[in-house]
Amino acid sequence: MKFMKFYPFSLAFLCVAFSAVGMTNKHYVARPSQSQWEMVVNTPLECRLVHPIPNFGDAEFTARASKKMNLDFELKMRRSMGETRNVSLVSMPPPWRPGDSADGMTNLQFFKQFDGYVGGQSAWSLLSELEKGRYPTFSYQDWQSRDERIEVSLSSVLFQGKYNVFSDCVANLLPYSFEDISFTILHYDNNSERLNKSSQHRLQQIAEYIRYNQDIDLVLVSTYTDSVSNKSDSQQLSETRALILQDYFQSLGLPEDRIQVQGYGKRRPVADNTSPVGKAKNRRVVISFGRTQV
């Protein structure tokens, strides 16, 4: 019995769909001497690992601060896709291991006028194959030429060292995103300018995010009290709380003109002021953040 040998970057052996009569392959890959992997962003808010592919574009892995583990992969093309194409993703052996087999990974689509995107488990699988020393390869019919198939490979040369840095970065991402802090309600101790313990902890999380990202265009702070004090005292307490938070956000580096504060006193209650639970809900501050860039 004869066994068919798979050779690197010859995806025509994988299935009939790859071997249309007369179709030629145009292959983009960094040669071993060209292969580079660079950490272009390494912060508690974002980790980004980039691999240039000569004459084609860049391959980018990105993970961001979030409650959930996440990973996005984008194949950024110098020439955007002119038509939506079905794409085969295959793990190929490196050139120096021609006897190893090629393994199919998944099928996906690259959409017209967008960069190629892979998310979720498939993106993690790309990293796993690279860590094994293999070459994940995307294959699709060229939208400009019916008789040409495009193959784009990620080189595993010099990958491992930068991947270790990327993995450390991912492990240190904050467990919350901008969306998680963009609207927050905190509560105060009774008749006090001091936030309760759980709210203090939440405010520390907000501060940690702001220290790493000053790209916040507007902070709205609205403070409220319960109905224990008279109207004048209630209003004064509310305004004092608002000014304390204004100073706090300025101390984090946010410009004064981006911070708007307002004390509403005991107006606009959200719960019944005749019960301790209701009063605790009314002793609150609502903090909203806005930004134009995401």
C-alpha atoms as a PDB file:
ATOM      1  CA  MET A   1       0.000   0.000   0.000  1.00  0.00           C
ATOM      2  CA  LYS A   2       1.297   3.442  -0.920  1.00  0.00           C
ATOM      3  CA  PHE A   3       0.787   6.384   1.375  1.00  0.00           C
ATOM      4  CA  MET A   4       0.322   9.916   0.083  1.00  0.00           C
ATOM      5  CA  LYS A   5       2.793  12.355   1.566  1.00  0.00           C
ATOM      6  CA  PHE A   6       1.666  15.880   2.400  1.00  0.00           C
ATOM      7  CA  TYR A   7       4.078  18.652   1.515  1.00  0.00           C
ATOM      8  CA  PRO A   8       4.067  22.089   3.156  1.00  0.00           C
ATOM      9  CA  PHE A   9       2.019  24.760   1.463  1.00  0.00           C
ATOM     10  CA  SER A  10       0.502  22.380  -1.127  1.00  0.00           C
ATOM     11  CA  LEU A  11      -3.058  22.463   0.097  1.00  0.00           C
ATOM     12  CA  ALA A  12      -4.262  20.820  -3.125  1.00  0.00           C
ATOM     13  CA  PHE A  13      -3.633  17.456  -1.455  1.00  0.00           C
ATOM     14  CA  LEU A  14      -6.152  18.145   1.306  1.00  0.00           C
ATOM     15  CA  CYS A  15      -9.416  17.781  -0.585  1.00  0.00           C
ATOM     16  CA  VAL A  16     -10.916  17.935  -4.038  1.00  0.00           C
ATOM     17  CA  ALA A  17     -12.050  21.496  -3.410  1.00  0.00           C
ATOM     18  CA  PHE A  18      -8.403  22.571  -3.369  1.00  0.00           C
ATOM     19  CA  SER A  19      -7.550  20.972  -6.706  1.00  0.00           C
ATOM     20  CA  ALA A  20      -9.687  22.655  -9.314  1.00  0.00           C
ATOM     21  CA  VAL A  21      -8.306  21.989 -12.782  1.00  0.00           C
ATOM     22  CA  GLY A  22      -5.989  24.729 -13.953  1.00  0.00           C
ATOM     23  CA  MET A  23      -6.001  26.583 -10.630  1.00  0.00           C
ATOM     24  CA  THR A  24      -2.680  27.939  -9.418  1.00  0.00           C
ATOM     25  CA  ASN A  25      -1.695  28.858  -5.852  1.00  0.00           C
ATOM     26  CA  LYS A  26      -0.271  32.187  -4.744  1.00  0.00           C
ATOM     27  CA  HIS A  27       1.386  31.773  -1.377  1.00  0.00           C
ATOM     28  CA  TYR A  28       2.216  34.460   1.186  1.00  0.00           C
ATOM     29  CA  VAL A  29       4.479  33.519   4.096  1.00  0.00           C
ATOM     30  CA  ALA A  30       7.468  34.956   5.952  1.00  0.00           C
ATOM     31  CA  ARG A  31      10.624  33.004   5.184  1.00  0.00           C
ATOM     32  CA  PRO A  32      12.515  31.852   8.295  1.00  0.00           C
ATOM     33  CA  SER A  33      14.955  34.753   7.898  1.00  0.00           C
ATOM     34  CA  GLN A  34      12.012  37.218   7.672  1.00  0.00           C
ATOM     35  CA  SER A  35       9.797  35.866  10.423  1.00  0.00           C
ATOM     36  CA  GLN A  36       9.011  38.345  13.202  1.00  0.00           C
ATOM     37  CA  TRP A  37       6.594  38.394  16.147  1.00  0.00           C
ATOM     38  CA  GLU A  38       6.196  41.600  18.139  1.00  0.00           C
ATOM     39  CA  MET A  39       4.235  42.635  21.216  1.00  0.00           C
ATOM     40  CA  VAL A  40       2.913  46.040  20.130  1.00  0.00           C
ATOM     41  CA  VAL A  41       0.585  46.489  23.136  1.00  0.00           C
ATOM     42  CA  ASN A  42       1.300  45.096  26.597  1.00  0.00           C
ATOM     43  CA  THR A  43      -0.922  46.632  29.296  1.00  0.00           C
ATOM     44  CA  PRO A  44      -3.485  45.424  31.846  1.00  0.00           C
ATOM     45  CA  LEU A  45      -6.147  46.610  29.362  1.00  0.00           C
ATOM     46  CA  GLU A  46      -4.927  45.026  26.141  1.00  0.00           C
ATOM     47  CA  CYS A  47      -2.414  42.519  24.782  1.00  0.00           C
ATOM     48  CA  ARG A  48      -1.586  42.533  21.071  1.00  0.00           C
ATOM     49  CA  LEU A  49       0.839  40.241  19.252  1.00  0.00           C
ATOM     50  CA  VAL A  50       1.626  41.054  15.600  1.00  0.00           C
ATOM     51  CA  HIS A  51       3.231  38.978  12.838  1.00  0.00           C
ATOM     52  CA  PRO A  52       4.048  40.760   9.531  1.00  0.00           C
ATOM     53  CA  ILE A  53       3.408  38.696   6.399  1.00  0.00           C
ATOM     54  CA  PRO A  54       5.539  40.040   3.527  1.00  0.00           C
ATOM     55  CA  ASN A  55       3.587  41.512   0.584  1.00  0.00           C
ATOM     56  CA  PHE A  56       0.276  40.661   2.242  1.00  0.00           C
ATOM     57  CA  GLY A  57      -0.299  42.422   5.570  1.00  0.00           C
ATOM     58  CA  ASP A  58      -0.249  41.556   9.274  1.00  0.00           C
ATOM     59  CA  ALA A  59      -1.579  38.791  11.476  1.00  0.00           C
ATOM     60  CA  GLU A  60      -2.758  40.128  14.859  1.00  0.00           C
ATOM     61  CA  PHE A  61      -3.776  38.369  18.059  1.00  0.00           C
ATOM     62  CA  THR A  62      -5.574  40.621  20.556  1.00  0.00           C
ATOM     63  CA  ALA A  63      -6.940  39.982  24.048  1.00  0.00           C
ATOM     64  CA  ARG A  64      -8.632  42.705  26.106  1.00  0.00           C
ATOM     65  CA  ALA A  65      -9.598  43.334  29.711  1.00  0.00           C
ATOM     66  CA  SER A  66     -12.943  41.657  30.339  1.00  0.00           C
ATOM     67  CA  LYS A  67     -14.927  39.526  32.743  1.00  0.00           C
ATOM     68  CA  LYS A  68     -14.480  36.629  30.314  1.00  0.00           C
ATOM     69  CA  MET A  69     -11.409  35.138  28.684  1.00  0.00           C
ATOM     70  CA  ASN A  70     -11.282  36.419  25.113  1.00  0.00           C
ATOM     71  CA  LEU A  71      -9.070  36.342  22.045  1.00  0.00           C
ATOM     72  CA  ASP A  72      -9.479  37.879  18.594  1.00  0.00           C
ATOM     73  CA  PHE A  73      -7.394  37.130  15.532  1.00  0.00           C
ATOM     74  CA  GLU A  74      -7.365  39.390  12.487  1.00  0.00           C
ATOM     75  CA  LEU A  75      -5.655  38.848   9.164  1.00  0.00           C
ATOM     76  CA  LYS A  76      -5.143  42.471   8.152  1.00  0.00           C
ATOM     77  CA  MET A  77      -4.786  42.714   4.386  1.00  0.00           C
ATOM     78  CA  ARG A  78      -3.137  45.496   2.404  1.00  0.00           C
ATOM     79  CA  ARG A  79      -5.805  44.865  -0.216  1.00  0.00           C
ATOM     80  CA  SER A  80      -9.255  44.361   1.262  1.00  0.00           C
ATOM     81  CA  MET A  81     -11.392  41.437   0.122  1.00  0.00           C
ATOM     82  CA  GLY A  82     -13.480  42.451  -2.884  1.00  0.00           C
ATOM     83  CA  GLU A  83     -15.834  39.526  -2.464  1.00  0.00           C
ATOM     84  CA  THR A  84     -16.917  37.307   0.429  1.00  0.00           C
ATOM     85  CA  ARG A  85     -15.028  34.027   0.270  1.00  0.00           C
ATOM     86  CA  ASN A  86     -15.205  30.620   1.941  1.00  0.00           C
ATOM     87  CA  VAL A  87     -11.881  29.942   3.637  1.00  0.00           C
ATOM     88  CA  SER A  88     -10.197  26.704   4.678  1.00  0.00           C
ATOM     89  CA  LEU A  89      -7.903  26.882   7.702  1.00  0.00           C
ATOM     90  CA  VAL A  90      -5.290  24.124   7.804  1.00  0.00           C
ATOM     91  CA  SER A  91      -2.344  23.437  10.088  1.00  0.00           C
ATOM     92  CA  MET A  92       0.675  22.790   7.874  1.00  0.00           C
ATOM     93  CA  PRO A  93       4.046  21.346   8.900  1.00  0.00           C
ATOM     94  CA  PRO A  94       7.030  23.710   8.665  1.00  0.00           C
ATOM     95  CA  PRO A  95       9.326  23.427   5.620  1.00  0.00           C
ATOM     96  CA  TRP A  96      11.927  21.444   7.556  1.00  0.00           C
ATOM     97  CA  ARG A  97       9.419  18.702   8.453  1.00  0.00           C
ATOM     98  CA  PRO A  98       8.088  17.666   5.012  1.00  0.00           C
ATOM     99  CA  GLY A  99       7.073  14.209   6.188  1.00  0.00           C
ATOM    100  CA  ASP A 100       4.482  15.494   8.662  1.00  0.00           C
ATOM    101  CA  SER A 101       0.840  15.585   7.666  1.00  0.00           C
ATOM    102  CA  ALA A 102      -1.363  18.621   7.156  1.00  0.00           C
ATOM    103  CA  ASP A 103      -4.343  18.803   9.530  1.00  0.00           C
ATOM    104  CA  GLY A 104      -7.616  20.543   8.758  1.00  0.00           C
ATOM    105  CA  MET A 105      -8.654  22.974  11.502  1.00  0.00           C
ATOM    106  CA  THR A 106     -11.919  24.636  10.462  1.00  0.00           C
ATOM    107  CA  ASN A 107     -13.846  26.339   7.671  1.00  0.00           C
ATOM    108  CA  LEU A 108     -14.920  29.978   7.881  1.00  0.00           C
ATOM    109  CA  GLN A 109     -15.720  33.045   5.789  1.00  0.00           C
ATOM    110  CA  PHE A 110     -13.830  36.231   5.051  1.00  0.00           C
ATOM    111  CA  PHE A 111     -16.304  38.995   4.304  1.00  0.00           C
ATOM    112  CA  LYS A 112     -16.217  41.605   1.564  1.00  0.00           C
ATOM    113  CA  GLN A 113     -14.377  44.811   2.507  1.00  0.00           C
ATOM    114  CA  PHE A 114     -13.346  43.393   5.917  1.00  0.00           C
ATOM    115  CA  ASP A 115     -10.129  41.902   7.233  1.00  0.00           C
ATOM    116  CA  GLY A 116     -10.175  38.182   7.900  1.00  0.00           C
ATOM    117  CA  TYR A 117     -11.415  37.424  11.419  1.00  0.00           C
ATOM    118  CA  VAL A 118     -11.181  34.392  13.686  1.00  0.00           C
ATOM    119  CA  GLY A 119     -12.504  34.448  17.251  1.00  0.00           C
ATOM    120  CA  GLY A 120     -13.131  32.248  20.255  1.00  0.00           C
ATOM    121  CA  GLN A 121     -11.778  28.723  20.403  1.00  0.00           C
ATOM    122  CA  SER A 122     -10.546  28.796  16.810  1.00  0.00           C
ATOM    123  CA  ALA A 123      -8.285  31.754  17.644  1.00  0.00           C
ATOM    124  CA  TRP A 124      -6.826  29.864  20.615  1.00  0.00           C
ATOM    125  CA  SER A 125      -6.284  26.877  18.307  1.00  0.00           C
ATOM    126  CA  LEU A 126      -4.174  29.064  16.034  1.00  0.00           C
ATOM    127  CA  LEU A 127      -1.880  29.854  18.958  1.00  0.00           C
ATOM    128  CA  SER A 128      -1.744  26.201  19.921  1.00  0.00           C
ATOM    129  CA  GLU A 129      -0.652  25.132  16.421  1.00  0.00           C
ATOM    130  CA  LEU A 130       2.008  27.839  16.311  1.00  0.00           C
ATOM    131  CA  GLU A 131       3.292  26.707  19.692  1.00  0.00           C
ATOM    132  CA  LYS A 132       3.717  23.224  18.192  1.00  0.00           C
ATOM    133  CA  GLY A 133       5.959  24.724  15.524  1.00  0.00           C
ATOM    134  CA  ARG A 134       3.367  24.424  12.772  1.00  0.00           C
ATOM    135  CA  TYR A 135       2.148  26.904  10.155  1.00  0.00           C
ATOM    136  CA  PRO A 136      -1.587  27.701  10.297  1.00  0.00           C
ATOM    137  CA  THR A 137      -2.586  28.448   6.698  1.00  0.00           C
ATOM    138  CA  PHE A 138      -5.645  30.177   5.240  1.00  0.00           C
ATOM    139  CA  SER A 139      -6.699  29.156   1.741  1.00  0.00           C
ATOM    140  CA  TYR A 140      -9.357  30.809  -0.448  1.00  0.00           C
ATOM    141  CA  GLN A 141     -10.106  31.591  -4.072  1.00  0.00           C
ATOM    142  CA  ASP A 142      -8.746  34.952  -5.169  1.00  0.00           C
ATOM    143  CA  TRP A 143     -11.650  37.346  -5.695  1.00  0.00           C
ATOM    144  CA  GLN A 144      -9.849  38.970  -8.634  1.00  0.00           C
ATOM    145  CA  SER A 145      -8.791  35.807 -10.439  1.00  0.00           C
ATOM    146  CA  ARG A 146     -11.017  32.735 -10.799  1.00  0.00           C
ATOM    147  CA  ASP A 147      -8.086  30.467 -11.609  1.00  0.00           C
ATOM    148  CA  GLU A 148      -5.895  31.460  -8.650  1.00  0.00           C
ATOM    149  CA  ARG A 149      -6.068  30.357  -5.026  1.00  0.00           C
ATOM    150  CA  ILE A 150      -4.554  32.441  -2.232  1.00  0.00           C
ATOM    151  CA  GLU A 151      -2.679  30.755   0.598  1.00  0.00           C
ATOM    152  CA  VAL A 152      -1.576  32.786   3.636  1.00  0.00           C
ATOM    153  CA  SER A 153       0.555  31.140   6.326  1.00  0.00           C
ATOM    154  CA  LEU A 154       1.642  32.194   9.805  1.00  0.00           C
ATOM    155  CA  SER A 155       5.257  31.300  10.477  1.00  0.00           C
ATOM    156  CA  SER A 156       6.141  29.723  13.828  1.00  0.00           C
ATOM    157  CA  VAL A 157       9.776  30.863  13.591  1.00  0.00           C
ATOM    158  CA  LEU A 158      10.649  33.051  16.622  1.00  0.00           C
ATOM    159  CA  PHE A 159       7.081  32.676  17.871  1.00  0.00           C
ATOM    160  CA  GLN A 160       7.624  30.989  21.240  1.00  0.00           C
ATOM    161  CA  GLY A 161       9.517  33.784  23.010  1.00  0.00           C
ATOM    162  CA  LYS A 162       6.960  36.461  22.139  1.00  0.00           C
ATOM    163  CA  TYR A 163       4.114  34.063  22.862  1.00  0.00           C
ATOM    164  CA  ASN A 164       5.427  33.664  26.410  1.00  0.00           C
ATOM    165  CA  VAL A 165       5.283  37.458  26.822  1.00  0.00           C
ATOM    166  CA  PHE A 166       1.777  37.509  25.317  1.00  0.00           C
ATOM    167  CA  SER A 167       0.617  34.767  27.703  1.00  0.00           C
ATOM    168  CA  ASP A 168       1.944  36.683  30.709  1.00  0.00           C
ATOM    169  CA  CYS A 169       0.146  39.799  29.497  1.00  0.00           C
ATOM    170  CA  VAL A 170      -3.156  37.906  29.108  1.00  0.00           C
ATOM    171  CA  ALA A 171      -2.801  36.505  32.617  1.00  0.00           C
ATOM    172  CA  ASN A 172      -2.502  40.065  33.992  1.00  0.00           C
ATOM    173  CA  LEU A 173      -5.431  41.643  32.142  1.00  0.00           C
ATOM    174  CA  LEU A 174      -7.944  43.427  34.357  1.00  0.00           C
ATOM    175  CA  PRO A 175     -11.060  41.274  34.904  1.00  0.00           C
ATOM    176  CA  TYR A 176     -13.393  44.062  33.726  1.00  0.00           C
ATOM    177  CA  SER A 177     -13.761  46.221  30.623  1.00  0.00           C
ATOM    178  CA  PHE A 178     -14.794  49.816  29.954  1.00  0.00           C
ATOM    179  CA  GLU A 179     -18.364  48.629  29.486  1.00  0.00           C
ATOM    180  CA  ASP A 180     -18.270  47.109  32.973  1.00  0.00           C
ATOM    181  CA  ILE A 181     -17.382  50.434  34.610  1.00  0.00           C
ATOM    182  CA  SER A 182     -19.082  52.903  32.243  1.00  0.00           C
ATOM    183  CA  PHE A 183     -22.216  53.050  34.409  1.00  0.00           C
ATOM    184  CA  THR A 184     -21.852  52.433  38.134  1.00  0.00           C
ATOM    185  CA  ILE A 185     -24.041  53.037  41.194  1.00  0.00           C
ATOM    186  CA  LEU A 186     -22.238  53.251  44.531  1.00  0.00           C
ATOM    187  CA  HIS A 187     -23.694  53.666  48.021  1.00  0.00           C
ATOM    188  CA  TYR A 188     -22.754  55.598  51.162  1.00  0.00           C
ATOM    189  CA  ASP A 189     -22.702  54.860  54.855  1.00  0.00           C
ATOM    190  CA  ASN A 190     -25.566  56.461  56.793  1.00  0.00           C
ATOM    191  CA  ASN A 191     -25.326  60.276  56.989  1.00  0.00           C
ATOM    192  CA  SER A 192     -21.697  60.109  55.837  1.00  0.00           C
ATOM    193  CA  GLU A 193     -19.405  61.306  53.077  1.00  0.00           C
ATOM    194  CA  ARG A 194     -17.810  57.861  53.087  1.00  0.00           C
ATOM    195  CA  LEU A 195     -18.782  55.112  50.652  1.00  0.00           C
ATOM    196  CA  ASN A 196     -19.612  51.724  52.128  1.00  0.00           C
ATOM    197  CA  LYS A 197     -16.943  48.998  51.887  1.00  0.00           C
ATOM    198  CA  SER A 198     -18.245  47.260  48.761  1.00  0.00           C
ATOM    199  CA  SER A 199     -18.552  50.612  46.971  1.00  0.00           C
ATOM    200  CA  GLN A 200     -15.020  51.575  48.000  1.00  0.00           C
ATOM    201  CA  HIS A 201     -13.753  48.383  46.398  1.00  0.00           C
ATOM    202  CA  ARG A 202     -15.694  49.119  43.223  1.00  0.00           C
ATOM    203  CA  LEU A 203     -14.299  52.653  43.094  1.00  0.00           C
ATOM    204  CA  GLN A 204     -10.781  51.238  43.373  1.00  0.00           C
ATOM    205  CA  GLN A 205     -11.473  49.077  40.321  1.00  0.00           C
ATOM    206  CA  ILE A 206     -12.647  52.117  38.394  1.00  0.00           C
ATOM    207  CA  ALA A 207      -9.518  54.010  39.447  1.00  0.00           C
ATOM    208  CA  GLU A 208      -7.285  51.159  38.316  1.00  0.00           C
ATOM    209  CA  TYR A 209      -8.889  51.188  34.888  1.00  0.00           C
ATOM    210  CA  ILE A 210      -8.535  54.975  34.555  1.00  0.00           C
ATOM    211  CA  ARG A 211      -4.849  54.872  35.511  1.00  0.00           C
ATOM    212  CA  TYR A 212      -4.169  52.716  32.446  1.00  0.00           C
ATOM    213  CA  ASN A 213      -6.565  54.478  30.086  1.00  0.00           C
ATOM    214  CA  GLN A 214      -7.084  58.228  30.096  1.00  0.00           C
ATOM    215  CA  ASP A 215      -9.180  58.009  26.906  1.00  0.00           C
ATOM    216  CA  ILE A 216     -12.329  59.115  28.739  1.00  0.00           C
ATOM    217  CA  ASP A 217     -14.080  62.194  27.355  1.00  0.00           C
ATOM    218  CA  LEU A 218     -16.657  62.756  30.063  1.00  0.00           C
ATOM    219  CA  VAL A 219     -17.353  61.764  33.665  1.00  0.00           C
ATOM    220  CA  LEU A 220     -20.828  62.471  35.061  1.00  0.00           C
ATOM    221  CA  VAL A 221     -21.216  62.270  38.846  1.00  0.00           C
ATOM    222  CA  SER A 222     -24.684  62.573  40.406  1.00  0.00           C
ATOM    223  CA  THR A 223     -25.045  62.221  44.195  1.00  0.00           C
ATOM    224  CA  TYR A 224     -28.197  61.637  46.246  1.00  0.00           C
ATOM    225  CA  THR A 225     -29.124  61.283  49.922  1.00  0.00           C
ATOM    226  CA  ASP A 226     -31.919  59.639  51.847  1.00  0.00           C
ATOM    227  CA  SER A 227     -34.568  61.677  53.694  1.00  0.00           C
ATOM    228  CA  VAL A 228     -33.079  61.701  57.212  1.00  0.00           C
ATOM    229  CA  SER A 229     -31.696  65.261  57.079  1.00  0.00           C
ATOM    230  CA  ASN A 230     -33.644  68.429  56.339  1.00  0.00           C
ATOM    231  CA  LYS A 231     -33.608  69.730  52.791  1.00  0.00           C
ATOM    232  CA  SER A 232     -30.731  72.176  53.303  1.00  0.00           C
ATOM    233  CA  ASP A 233     -28.457  69.700  55.084  1.00  0.00           C
ATOM    234  CA  SER A 234     -29.318  66.987  52.584  1.00  0.00           C
ATOM    235  CA  GLN A 235     -28.373  69.210  49.657  1.00  0.00           C
ATOM    236  CA  GLN A 236     -25.107  70.254  51.287  1.00  0.00           C
ATOM    237  CA  LEU A 237     -24.150  66.638  52.043  1.00  0.00           C
ATOM    238  CA  SER A 238     -24.944  65.642  48.478  1.00  0.00           C
ATOM    239  CA  GLU A 239     -22.824  68.447  47.022  1.00  0.00           C
ATOM    240  CA  THR A 240     -19.940  67.655  49.369  1.00  0.00           C
ATOM    241  CA  ARG A 241     -19.988  64.042  48.217  1.00  0.00           C
ATOM    242  CA  ALA A 242     -19.961  65.192  44.579  1.00  0.00           C
ATOM    243  CA  LEU A 243     -16.993  67.523  45.103  1.00  0.00           C
ATOM    244  CA  ILE A 244     -15.016  64.797  46.893  1.00  0.00           C
ATOM    245  CA  LEU A 245     -15.448  62.534  43.875  1.00  0.00           C
ATOM    246  CA  GLN A 246     -14.556  65.366  41.513  1.00  0.00           C
ATOM    247  CA  ASP A 247     -11.253  65.829  43.348  1.00  0.00           C
ATOM    248  CA  TYR A 248     -10.729  62.082  43.342  1.00  0.00           C
ATOM    249  CA  PHE A 249     -11.073  61.746  39.573  1.00  0.00           C
ATOM    250  CA  GLN A 250      -8.809  64.755  39.037  1.00  0.00           C
ATOM    251  CA  SER A 251      -6.189  63.075  41.209  1.00  0.00           C
ATOM    252  CA  LEU A 252      -6.272  60.151  38.766  1.00  0.00           C
ATOM    253  CA  GLY A 253      -5.244  62.466  35.934  1.00  0.00           C
ATOM    254  CA  LEU A 254      -8.589  63.340  34.356  1.00  0.00           C
ATOM    255  CA  PRO A 255      -8.868  67.031  33.368  1.00  0.00           C
ATOM    256  CA  GLU A 256     -11.325  69.126  35.349  1.00  0.00           C
ATOM    257  CA  ASP A 257     -13.242  70.130  32.221  1.00  0.00           C
ATOM    258  CA  ARG A 258     -14.128  66.480  31.563  1.00  0.00           C
ATOM    259  CA  ILE A 259     -15.758  66.020  34.970  1.00  0.00           C
ATOM    260  CA  GLN A 260     -19.308  67.190  35.646  1.00  0.00           C
ATOM    261  CA  VAL A 261     -20.751  66.808  39.147  1.00  0.00           C
ATOM    262  CA  GLN A 262     -24.196  67.501  40.549  1.00  0.00           C
ATOM    263  CA  GLY A 263     -25.681  67.029  44.012  1.00  0.00           C
ATOM    264  CA  TYR A 264     -29.422  66.340  44.055  1.00  0.00           C
ATOM    265  CA  GLY A 265     -29.929  65.979  47.798  1.00  0.00           C
ATOM    266  CA  LYS A 266     -32.950  63.855  48.669  1.00  0.00           C
ATOM    267  CA  ARG A 267     -34.664  64.512  45.353  1.00  0.00           C
ATOM    268  CA  ARG A 268     -35.300  61.641  42.954  1.00  0.00           C
ATOM    269  CA  PRO A 269     -35.414  58.715  45.405  1.00  0.00           C
ATOM    270  CA  VAL A 270     -35.310  55.249  43.858  1.00  0.00           C
ATOM    271  CA  ALA A 271     -36.716  53.414  46.891  1.00  0.00           C
ATOM    272  CA  ASP A 272     -39.040  53.910  49.862  1.00  0.00           C
ATOM    273  CA  ASN A 273     -37.431  56.237  52.427  1.00  0.00           C
ATOM    274  CA  THR A 274     -39.558  54.801  55.260  1.00  0.00           C
ATOM    275  CA  SER A 275     -37.462  51.622  55.471  1.00  0.00           C
ATOM    276  CA  PRO A 276     -33.750  51.142  56.272  1.00  0.00           C
ATOM    277  CA  VAL A 277     -33.265  49.145  53.048  1.00  0.00           C
ATOM    278  CA  GLY A 278     -34.898  51.871  50.977  1.00  0.00           C
ATOM    279  CA  LYS A 279     -32.803  54.589  52.607  1.00  0.00           C
ATOM    280  CA  ALA A 280     -29.619  52.638  51.926  1.00  0.00           C
ATOM    281  CA  LYS A 281     -30.537  52.460  48.227  1.00  0.00           C
ATOM    282  CA  ASN A 282     -31.215  56.193  48.107  1.00  0.00           C
ATOM    283  CA  ARG A 283     -27.809  57.098  49.633  1.00  0.00           C
ATOM    284  CA  ARG A 284     -26.080  56.722  46.299  1.00  0.00           C
ATOM    285  CA  VAL A 285     -23.872  58.197  43.628  1.00  0.00           C
ATOM    286  CA  VAL A 286     -24.339  57.436  39.917  1.00  0.00           C
ATOM    287  CA  ILE A 287     -21.102  57.587  37.907  1.00  0.00           C
ATOM    288  CA  SER A 288     -21.201  57.520  34.110  1.00  0.00           C
ATOM    289  CA  PHE A 289     -18.246  57.549  31.703  1.00  0.00           C
ATOM    290  CA  GLY A 290     -18.280  58.497  28.051  1.00  0.00           C
ATOM    291  CA  ARG A 291     -15.701  58.197  25.309  1.00  0.00           C
ATOM    292  CA  THR A 292     -15.629  58.602  21.548  1.00  0.00           C
ATOM    293  CA  GLN A 293     -12.870  56.061  20.858  1.00  0.00           C
ATOM    294  CA  VAL A 294     -13.313  52.394  21.709  1.00  0.00           C
END
